[in-house]
Amino acid sequence: MSSRGLEDRPGPGRGAGAGQRTELARQLDDPISDDGRAEAVELFRTKGVGILPEVVAQLRQAPFWPALEAIAHTLAYESLILAAPPELRGSVSTPTLVIDGEASPDPIREAARAVADGLPHAELHTLPGQTHDLVPDVLGPVLEKFYTD
């Protein structure tokens, strides 16, 4: 186990197959439909990202947890995007910017790489020294460049 609380063994958070991601998306829909946003975030963090349950329990006390709950309805979509078969991903013709942080947990970096590799018009941009948190002053110039070039 790493210092970030990520599991070192394969599973949905590391190299998950399409079936595992699709099943996770189905499981995420259930708590959302029952207004169980906290449970959906916890499920995604443990099964989708691979964070240990004990660490997620601590994260529930963090000041950013309500923001995670507010976007919980997007988690099933994230799982389905990662589960999309190559032929479907290959049909996306829209230029896509995929962004990750250099200091993000490995499963998040792996997922960003998988999405960028799977889309024919995708560009992966890694933010040096950044985690998975959004820092407007760091992210803004990257978005501006992508949308104006």
N, C-alpha and C. Protein backbone atom coordinates (compact mmCIF):
# COMPACT_ATOMS: atom_id res chain seq x y z
N MET A 1 0.86 -1.18 0.00
CA MET A 1 0.00 0.00 0.00
C MET A 1 0.89 1.23 0.00
N SER A 2 0.53 2.21 -0.82
CA SER A 2 1.33 3.43 -0.90
C SER A 2 0.91 4.41 0.18
N SER A 3 1.65 5.49 0.28
CA SER A 3 1.34 6.50 1.29
C SER A 3 0.05 7.24 0.97
N ARG A 4 -0.44 7.14 -0.25
CA ARG A 4 -1.69 7.80 -0.63
C ARG A 4 -2.91 6.96 -0.29
N GLY A 5 -2.70 5.75 0.21
CA GLY A 5 -3.83 4.90 0.56
C GLY A 5 -4.38 4.16 -0.64
N LEU A 6 -3.62 4.02 -1.70
CA LEU A 6 -4.07 3.31 -2.88
C LEU A 6 -3.62 1.87 -2.80
N GLU A 7 -4.49 0.99 -3.25
CA GLU A 7 -4.15 -0.42 -3.24
C GLU A 7 -3.11 -0.71 -4.32
N ASP A 8 -2.18 -1.61 -4.03
CA ASP A 8 -1.15 -1.98 -4.98
C ASP A 8 -1.55 -3.19 -5.82
N ARG A 9 -2.68 -3.78 -5.54
CA ARG A 9 -3.11 -4.93 -6.33
C ARG A 9 -4.07 -4.49 -7.42
N PRO A 10 -4.16 -5.27 -8.51
CA PRO A 10 -5.09 -4.91 -9.59
C PRO A 10 -6.52 -4.90 -9.07
N GLY A 11 -7.35 -4.11 -9.68
CA GLY A 11 -8.76 -4.01 -9.34
C GLY A 11 -9.38 -2.89 -10.11
N PRO A 12 -10.62 -2.52 -9.81
CA PRO A 12 -11.27 -1.47 -10.57
C PRO A 12 -10.50 -0.17 -10.61
N GLY A 13 -9.73 0.13 -9.58
CA GLY A 13 -8.98 1.37 -9.57
C GLY A 13 -7.71 1.31 -10.39
N ARG A 14 -7.25 0.14 -10.73
CA ARG A 14 -5.98 -0.01 -11.46
C ARG A 14 -6.19 -0.98 -12.60
N GLY A 15 -6.26 -0.45 -13.81
CA GLY A 15 -6.35 -1.31 -14.97
C GLY A 15 -7.66 -2.05 -15.07
N ALA A 16 -8.73 -1.47 -14.59
CA ALA A 16 -10.02 -2.14 -14.63
C ALA A 16 -10.48 -2.36 -16.05
N GLY A 17 -11.14 -3.47 -16.26
CA GLY A 17 -11.70 -3.76 -17.56
C GLY A 17 -13.03 -3.06 -17.76
N ALA A 18 -13.50 -3.11 -19.00
CA ALA A 18 -14.76 -2.45 -19.34
C ALA A 18 -15.92 -2.99 -18.53
N GLY A 19 -15.93 -4.29 -18.30
CA GLY A 19 -17.02 -4.89 -17.52
C GLY A 19 -17.06 -4.37 -16.10
N GLN A 20 -15.89 -4.23 -15.48
CA GLN A 20 -15.83 -3.71 -14.11
C GLN A 20 -16.29 -2.25 -14.07
N ARG A 21 -15.89 -1.47 -15.06
CA ARG A 21 -16.27 -0.05 -15.10
C ARG A 21 -17.78 0.09 -15.34
N THR A 22 -18.32 -0.75 -16.23
CA THR A 22 -19.76 -0.70 -16.51
C THR A 22 -20.55 -1.08 -15.26
N GLU A 23 -20.10 -2.10 -14.56
CA GLU A 23 -20.77 -2.52 -13.32
C GLU A 23 -20.67 -1.42 -12.27
N LEU A 24 -19.52 -0.77 -12.17
CA LEU A 24 -19.38 0.34 -11.23
C LEU A 24 -20.36 1.45 -11.57
N ALA A 25 -20.51 1.77 -12.85
CA ALA A 25 -21.45 2.82 -13.27
C ALA A 25 -22.87 2.46 -12.84
N ARG A 26 -23.24 1.19 -13.00
CA ARG A 26 -24.57 0.74 -12.58
C ARG A 26 -24.73 0.91 -11.07
N GLN A 27 -23.71 0.53 -10.33
CA GLN A 27 -23.76 0.65 -8.87
C GLN A 27 -23.83 2.11 -8.44
N LEU A 28 -23.18 2.99 -9.19
CA LEU A 28 -23.20 4.41 -8.84
C LEU A 28 -24.56 5.04 -9.10
N ASP A 29 -25.29 4.53 -10.07
CA ASP A 29 -26.62 5.06 -10.35
C ASP A 29 -27.58 4.83 -9.19
N ASP A 30 -27.46 3.71 -8.50
CA ASP A 30 -28.38 3.38 -7.42
C ASP A 30 -28.35 4.42 -6.29
N PRO A 31 -27.17 4.72 -5.71
CA PRO A 31 -27.19 5.71 -4.63
C PRO A 31 -27.60 7.10 -5.09
N ILE A 32 -27.26 7.47 -6.31
CA ILE A 32 -27.63 8.80 -6.80
C ILE A 32 -29.14 8.92 -6.90
N SER A 33 -29.78 7.87 -7.42
CA SER A 33 -31.24 7.93 -7.57
C SER A 33 -31.93 7.99 -6.21
N ASP A 34 -31.27 7.50 -5.18
CA ASP A 34 -31.83 7.54 -3.83
C ASP A 34 -31.29 8.72 -3.03
N ASP A 35 -30.66 9.69 -3.71
CA ASP A 35 -30.05 10.85 -3.08
C ASP A 35 -28.95 10.45 -2.10
N GLY A 36 -28.21 9.43 -2.46
CA GLY A 36 -27.10 8.97 -1.64
C GLY A 36 -25.77 9.43 -2.22
N ARG A 37 -25.64 10.74 -2.37
CA ARG A 37 -24.44 11.29 -3.01
C ARG A 37 -23.16 10.92 -2.25
N ALA A 38 -23.19 10.96 -0.94
CA ALA A 38 -21.99 10.63 -0.16
C ALA A 38 -21.60 9.17 -0.40
N GLU A 39 -22.59 8.29 -0.47
CA GLU A 39 -22.31 6.88 -0.71
C GLU A 39 -21.74 6.67 -2.11
N ALA A 40 -22.24 7.44 -3.09
CA ALA A 40 -21.73 7.33 -4.46
C ALA A 40 -20.28 7.78 -4.53
N VAL A 41 -19.96 8.88 -3.85
CA VAL A 41 -18.58 9.36 -3.85
C VAL A 41 -17.68 8.33 -3.17
N GLU A 42 -18.14 7.79 -2.07
CA GLU A 42 -17.35 6.77 -1.36
C GLU A 42 -17.13 5.54 -2.25
N LEU A 43 -18.17 5.08 -2.92
CA LEU A 43 -18.07 3.92 -3.80
C LEU A 43 -17.07 4.18 -4.93
N PHE A 44 -17.16 5.36 -5.55
CA PHE A 44 -16.25 5.68 -6.64
C PHE A 44 -14.81 5.76 -6.15
N ARG A 45 -14.61 6.37 -4.99
CA ARG A 45 -13.25 6.52 -4.45
C ARG A 45 -12.64 5.16 -4.10
N THR A 46 -13.46 4.24 -3.57
CA THR A 46 -12.91 2.93 -3.19
C THR A 46 -12.83 1.99 -4.38
N LYS A 47 -13.90 1.83 -5.12
CA LYS A 47 -13.93 0.86 -6.22
C LYS A 47 -13.38 1.41 -7.53
N GLY A 48 -13.58 2.69 -7.80
CA GLY A 48 -13.15 3.27 -9.06
C GLY A 48 -11.72 3.77 -9.04
N VAL A 49 -11.31 4.36 -7.92
CA VAL A 49 -9.98 4.95 -7.83
C VAL A 49 -9.03 4.03 -7.06
N GLY A 50 -9.56 3.25 -6.14
CA GLY A 50 -8.73 2.32 -5.38
C GLY A 50 -8.23 2.86 -4.06
N ILE A 51 -8.89 3.87 -3.54
CA ILE A 51 -8.50 4.42 -2.23
C ILE A 51 -9.07 3.51 -1.15
N LEU A 52 -8.28 3.25 -0.16
CA LEU A 52 -8.71 2.38 0.93
C LEU A 52 -9.92 2.98 1.66
N PRO A 53 -10.85 2.12 2.09
CA PRO A 53 -12.05 2.61 2.80
C PRO A 53 -11.72 3.47 4.02
N GLU A 54 -10.65 3.12 4.74
CA GLU A 54 -10.29 3.90 5.93
C GLU A 54 -9.89 5.32 5.55
N VAL A 55 -9.23 5.46 4.41
CA VAL A 55 -8.81 6.78 3.95
C VAL A 55 -10.02 7.57 3.49
N VAL A 56 -10.94 6.91 2.79
CA VAL A 56 -12.16 7.59 2.34
C VAL A 56 -12.98 8.04 3.55
N ALA A 57 -13.02 7.24 4.60
CA ALA A 57 -13.73 7.65 5.82
C ALA A 57 -13.15 8.94 6.37
N GLN A 58 -11.84 9.10 6.31
CA GLN A 58 -11.21 10.34 6.76
C GLN A 58 -11.54 11.49 5.81
N LEU A 59 -11.56 11.19 4.49
CA LEU A 59 -11.86 12.22 3.51
C LEU A 59 -13.28 12.79 3.68
N ARG A 60 -14.19 11.99 4.22
CA ARG A 60 -15.57 12.46 4.41
C ARG A 60 -15.62 13.65 5.37
N GLN A 61 -14.56 13.82 6.17
CA GLN A 61 -14.50 14.94 7.11
C GLN A 61 -13.80 16.16 6.51
N ALA A 62 -13.25 16.02 5.31
CA ALA A 62 -12.48 17.10 4.68
C ALA A 62 -13.41 18.21 4.19
N PRO A 63 -12.92 19.43 4.16
CA PRO A 63 -13.76 20.56 3.74
C PRO A 63 -14.21 20.47 2.28
N PHE A 64 -13.52 19.70 1.45
CA PHE A 64 -13.91 19.60 0.04
C PHE A 64 -14.94 18.52 -0.22
N TRP A 65 -15.28 17.70 0.78
CA TRP A 65 -16.22 16.59 0.57
C TRP A 65 -17.58 17.06 0.04
N PRO A 66 -18.16 18.14 0.55
CA PRO A 66 -19.45 18.59 -0.02
C PRO A 66 -19.38 18.90 -1.51
N ALA A 67 -18.23 19.41 -1.97
CA ALA A 67 -18.07 19.67 -3.40
C ALA A 67 -18.07 18.37 -4.19
N LEU A 68 -17.47 17.32 -3.63
CA LEU A 68 -17.50 16.01 -4.29
C LEU A 68 -18.92 15.48 -4.38
N GLU A 69 -19.67 15.65 -3.31
CA GLU A 69 -21.07 15.21 -3.32
C GLU A 69 -21.88 15.98 -4.36
N ALA A 70 -21.57 17.25 -4.53
CA ALA A 70 -22.32 18.08 -5.48
C ALA A 70 -22.15 17.59 -6.92
N ILE A 71 -21.02 16.96 -7.22
CA ILE A 71 -20.80 16.47 -8.59
C ILE A 71 -20.91 14.95 -8.68
N ALA A 72 -21.46 14.33 -7.66
CA ALA A 72 -21.56 12.87 -7.62
C ALA A 72 -22.32 12.30 -8.81
N HIS A 73 -23.27 13.06 -9.33
CA HIS A 73 -24.06 12.56 -10.47
C HIS A 73 -23.22 12.34 -11.72
N THR A 74 -21.99 12.86 -11.77
CA THR A 74 -21.12 12.68 -12.93
C THR A 74 -20.28 11.41 -12.84
N LEU A 75 -20.22 10.77 -11.70
CA LEU A 75 -19.31 9.65 -11.49
C LEU A 75 -19.67 8.43 -12.34
N ALA A 76 -20.95 8.17 -12.53
CA ALA A 76 -21.34 7.05 -13.40
C ALA A 76 -20.88 7.31 -14.82
N TYR A 77 -21.00 8.55 -15.27
CA TYR A 77 -20.54 8.89 -16.62
C TYR A 77 -19.04 8.69 -16.77
N GLU A 78 -18.29 9.09 -15.75
CA GLU A 78 -16.84 8.90 -15.80
C GLU A 78 -16.49 7.43 -15.94
N SER A 79 -17.19 6.59 -15.21
CA SER A 79 -16.94 5.15 -15.30
C SER A 79 -17.29 4.62 -16.68
N LEU A 80 -18.39 5.09 -17.25
CA LEU A 80 -18.80 4.63 -18.57
C LEU A 80 -17.85 5.10 -19.67
N ILE A 81 -17.34 6.31 -19.53
CA ILE A 81 -16.37 6.80 -20.52
C ILE A 81 -15.15 5.89 -20.53
N LEU A 82 -14.68 5.49 -19.36
CA LEU A 82 -13.52 4.62 -19.29
C LEU A 82 -13.83 3.21 -19.76
N ALA A 83 -15.11 2.83 -19.73
CA ALA A 83 -15.52 1.50 -20.17
C ALA A 83 -15.83 1.44 -21.66
N ALA A 84 -15.91 2.58 -22.32
CA ALA A 84 -16.30 2.61 -23.73
C ALA A 84 -15.36 1.76 -24.57
N PRO A 85 -15.93 0.93 -25.45
CA PRO A 85 -15.08 0.09 -26.30
C PRO A 85 -14.27 0.95 -27.28
N PRO A 86 -13.11 0.46 -27.70
CA PRO A 86 -12.24 1.24 -28.59
C PRO A 86 -12.95 1.72 -29.86
N GLU A 87 -13.82 0.90 -30.43
CA GLU A 87 -14.50 1.34 -31.65
C GLU A 87 -15.41 2.54 -31.41
N LEU A 88 -15.98 2.64 -30.23
CA LEU A 88 -16.82 3.80 -29.91
C LEU A 88 -15.94 5.01 -29.65
N ARG A 89 -14.90 4.84 -28.87
CA ARG A 89 -14.00 5.95 -28.60
C ARG A 89 -13.39 6.47 -29.89
N GLY A 90 -13.07 5.58 -30.80
CA GLY A 90 -12.46 5.96 -32.06
C GLY A 90 -13.36 6.78 -32.96
N SER A 91 -14.66 6.75 -32.70
CA SER A 91 -15.60 7.50 -33.53
C SER A 91 -15.79 8.95 -33.08
N VAL A 92 -15.18 9.32 -31.97
CA VAL A 92 -15.30 10.68 -31.46
C VAL A 92 -14.39 11.59 -32.28
N SER A 93 -14.98 12.55 -32.96
CA SER A 93 -14.18 13.42 -33.83
C SER A 93 -13.91 14.79 -33.22
N THR A 94 -14.43 15.06 -32.08
CA THR A 94 -14.24 16.35 -31.42
C THR A 94 -12.85 16.45 -30.79
N PRO A 95 -12.13 17.53 -31.05
CA PRO A 95 -10.85 17.71 -30.35
C PRO A 95 -11.10 17.72 -28.84
N THR A 96 -10.30 16.97 -28.13
CA THR A 96 -10.52 16.78 -26.69
C THR A 96 -9.23 17.04 -25.94
N LEU A 97 -9.34 17.80 -24.87
CA LEU A 97 -8.20 18.05 -24.00
C LEU A 97 -8.40 17.22 -22.73
N VAL A 98 -7.46 16.35 -22.45
CA VAL A 98 -7.48 15.54 -21.23
C VAL A 98 -6.37 16.08 -20.35
N ILE A 99 -6.71 16.42 -19.12
CA ILE A 99 -5.75 17.05 -18.21
C ILE A 99 -5.61 16.19 -16.96
N ASP A 100 -4.37 15.99 -16.54
CA ASP A 100 -4.12 15.34 -15.26
C ASP A 100 -3.03 16.12 -14.53
N GLY A 101 -2.85 15.78 -13.28
CA GLY A 101 -1.82 16.43 -12.48
C GLY A 101 -0.66 15.47 -12.26
N GLU A 102 0.52 15.97 -12.38
CA GLU A 102 1.73 15.15 -12.23
C GLU A 102 1.77 14.43 -10.88
N ALA A 103 1.22 15.04 -9.84
CA ALA A 103 1.24 14.45 -8.50
C ALA A 103 -0.07 13.77 -8.14
N SER A 104 -0.92 13.52 -9.13
CA SER A 104 -2.18 12.80 -8.88
C SER A 104 -1.89 11.32 -8.62
N PRO A 105 -2.81 10.63 -7.96
CA PRO A 105 -2.63 9.19 -7.75
C PRO A 105 -2.52 8.45 -9.09
N ASP A 106 -1.74 7.39 -9.09
CA ASP A 106 -1.51 6.62 -10.32
C ASP A 106 -2.80 6.21 -11.04
N PRO A 107 -3.83 5.73 -10.34
CA PRO A 107 -5.04 5.33 -11.07
C PRO A 107 -5.67 6.48 -11.86
N ILE A 108 -5.59 7.68 -11.34
CA ILE A 108 -6.14 8.83 -12.05
C ILE A 108 -5.28 9.15 -13.27
N ARG A 109 -3.98 9.09 -13.11
CA ARG A 109 -3.07 9.33 -14.24
C ARG A 109 -3.25 8.27 -15.31
N GLU A 110 -3.40 7.01 -14.88
CA GLU A 110 -3.62 5.91 -15.82
C GLU A 110 -4.93 6.10 -16.58
N ALA A 111 -5.96 6.53 -15.89
CA ALA A 111 -7.25 6.75 -16.54
C ALA A 111 -7.16 7.89 -17.55
N ALA A 112 -6.48 8.96 -17.19
CA ALA A 112 -6.31 10.09 -18.12
C ALA A 112 -5.58 9.63 -19.37
N ARG A 113 -4.53 8.86 -19.20
CA ARG A 113 -3.76 8.34 -20.34
C ARG A 113 -4.65 7.44 -21.20
N ALA A 114 -5.45 6.59 -20.57
CA ALA A 114 -6.31 5.67 -21.32
C ALA A 114 -7.33 6.44 -22.15
N VAL A 115 -7.91 7.49 -21.58
CA VAL A 115 -8.88 8.30 -22.32
C VAL A 115 -8.19 9.01 -23.48
N ALA A 116 -7.05 9.62 -23.23
CA ALA A 116 -6.33 10.33 -24.28
C ALA A 116 -5.88 9.37 -25.39
N ASP A 117 -5.41 8.20 -25.01
CA ASP A 117 -4.97 7.22 -26.01
C ASP A 117 -6.13 6.68 -26.83
N GLY A 118 -7.31 6.64 -26.21
CA GLY A 118 -8.47 6.05 -26.88
C GLY A 118 -9.24 7.00 -27.78
N LEU A 119 -8.96 8.28 -27.71
CA LEU A 119 -9.67 9.25 -28.54
C LEU A 119 -8.74 9.73 -29.65
N PRO A 120 -9.20 9.67 -30.91
CA PRO A 120 -8.31 9.99 -32.02
C PRO A 120 -7.83 11.44 -32.07
N HIS A 121 -8.58 12.37 -31.48
CA HIS A 121 -8.21 13.79 -31.54
C HIS A 121 -7.99 14.35 -30.14
N ALA A 122 -7.39 13.53 -29.28
CA ALA A 122 -7.18 13.95 -27.89
C ALA A 122 -5.74 14.38 -27.67
N GLU A 123 -5.62 15.31 -26.77
CA GLU A 123 -4.31 15.80 -26.34
C GLU A 123 -4.27 15.64 -24.82
N LEU A 124 -3.24 14.98 -24.31
CA LEU A 124 -3.06 14.84 -22.87
C LEU A 124 -2.11 15.92 -22.40
N HIS A 125 -2.54 16.68 -21.41
CA HIS A 125 -1.68 17.72 -20.83
C HIS A 125 -1.55 17.42 -19.34
N THR A 126 -0.32 17.21 -18.91
CA THR A 126 -0.05 16.96 -17.49
C THR A 126 0.41 18.26 -16.85
N LEU A 127 -0.27 18.65 -15.79
CA LEU A 127 0.08 19.87 -15.06
C LEU A 127 1.22 19.57 -14.09
N PRO A 128 2.40 20.14 -14.34
CA PRO A 128 3.57 19.86 -13.50
C PRO A 128 3.31 20.21 -12.03
N GLY A 129 3.66 19.27 -11.17
CA GLY A 129 3.57 19.49 -9.73
C GLY A 129 2.17 19.53 -9.15
N GLN A 130 1.15 19.33 -9.97
CA GLN A 130 -0.23 19.45 -9.50
C GLN A 130 -0.81 18.09 -9.13
N THR A 131 -1.79 18.14 -8.24
CA THR A 131 -2.53 16.94 -7.86
C THR A 131 -3.82 16.92 -8.68
N HIS A 132 -4.80 16.19 -8.18
CA HIS A 132 -6.10 16.12 -8.85
C HIS A 132 -6.97 17.32 -8.51
N ASP A 133 -6.52 18.16 -7.60
CA ASP A 133 -7.26 19.37 -7.23
C ASP A 133 -7.14 20.40 -8.35
N LEU A 134 -8.18 21.20 -8.52
CA LEU A 134 -8.17 22.24 -9.54
C LEU A 134 -7.63 23.54 -8.96
N VAL A 135 -6.59 24.05 -9.59
CA VAL A 135 -6.01 25.33 -9.20
C VAL A 135 -6.23 26.27 -10.39
N PRO A 136 -7.18 27.20 -10.28
CA PRO A 136 -7.55 28.04 -11.42
C PRO A 136 -6.37 28.73 -12.10
N ASP A 137 -5.42 29.22 -11.32
CA ASP A 137 -4.28 29.94 -11.92
C ASP A 137 -3.38 29.02 -12.74
N VAL A 138 -3.41 27.73 -12.46
CA VAL A 138 -2.61 26.75 -13.21
C VAL A 138 -3.42 26.21 -14.38
N LEU A 139 -4.68 25.91 -14.13
CA LEU A 139 -5.55 25.32 -15.16
C LEU A 139 -5.97 26.33 -16.23
N GLY A 140 -6.24 27.54 -15.83
CA GLY A 140 -6.75 28.57 -16.74
C GLY A 140 -5.93 28.76 -18.00
N PRO A 141 -4.63 28.97 -17.89
CA PRO A 141 -3.83 29.18 -19.10
C PRO A 141 -3.84 27.98 -20.05
N VAL A 142 -3.91 26.78 -19.51
CA VAL A 142 -3.95 25.57 -20.35
C VAL A 142 -5.26 25.53 -21.13
N LEU A 143 -6.37 25.83 -20.45
CA LEU A 143 -7.67 25.86 -21.12
C LEU A 143 -7.72 26.97 -22.16
N GLU A 144 -7.20 28.14 -21.80
CA GLU A 144 -7.20 29.25 -22.73
C GLU A 144 -6.43 28.92 -24.01
N LYS A 145 -5.27 28.31 -23.85
CA LYS A 145 -4.46 27.92 -25.00
C LYS A 145 -5.21 26.91 -25.88
N PHE A 146 -5.82 25.91 -25.26
CA PHE A 146 -6.54 24.88 -26.01
C PHE A 146 -7.69 25.48 -26.81
N TYR A 147 -8.43 26.37 -26.19
CA TYR A 147 -9.61 26.94 -26.85
C TYR A 147 -9.31 28.07 -27.83
N THR A 148 -8.11 28.65 -27.75
CA THR A 148 -7.80 29.75 -28.67
C THR A 148 -6.84 29.35 -29.79
N ASP A 149 -6.16 28.23 -29.65
CA ASP A 149 -5.24 27.80 -30.73
C ASP A 149 -5.99 27.14 -31.87
